Amino acid sequence: MIQIQIFTFNPFEENTYVAYDETGDAIVVDPGCYEREEKEELDEFIKKNQLNVVLLVNTHCHIDHVLGNDHIKTKYKVPFLIHKREEQMLRAVNTYAGNYGFFEYREVQPDKLIDDRDEITFGDSKFNIIFLPGHSPGHVGLYNQDQGILLSGDVLFQNSIGRTDLPGGDTDTLLKSIKEKLFVLPEDVVVYPGHGPTTTLGEEMRSNPFCAIKR
């Protein structure tokens, strides 16, 4: 049974996720921890629950989702995974991190490139990769069918969708990803977004002002 722990880090109020199961194995998704206190909060949870971190995954590589990559990869010595189309986005962070005041940001390189329909496994659990471009070129979601869990990154939020005015963004592509890849899943799937509270696919199908398909 997968459990999800949510942390909200950095000035962008980004959601960092630790997903783990009864074996104690865990993955860290989109670590936004930058300040020392944020890193300590994440580490303390992992230590207190005796978790064995086995993977680091980015849904996409905008700055607010990658600030803690170096910390996680260095401290827990785990493979780092991104979609193949996010490599350029990841490299770009170094060029603008200082503009946002993140002068201590350290880039790390991915160990493996993932793609649509790949599986990420940890302990007795797994997530399937869903390719969801539009907010960024290589954005992915992590979906567990058995429990109806979706880590949606910045594609779908409660009553909103990801912005498309950043490099590599495209509104039509994003809406296509949502309607053709997400809204075909069961309505009771719980969505854990990159910002803001959890929601369900059914709620967003009915009431999201940007992409609702049911009334």
Foldseek 3Di string as FASTA:
>chain_A
DKDWDWDQDDPVRWIWIWIDDPVQEIEIEQDQHADPVSLVVVVVVSVVSVHQYAEYEYLAADNSRCQCVCVCCVPRVYAYEFAPQRQVVQVCCVVCVVVVPRPVRDGDDGPDHDDAQDWDDIDPAIWGWHAQFALARGGIWTAGQVVLEIAREQADDQLDGHDQPDPRHHHVSSLCSCVVPPLVHDQQRWYNYGHDDIDTNVNCLPHNPRHHVHD
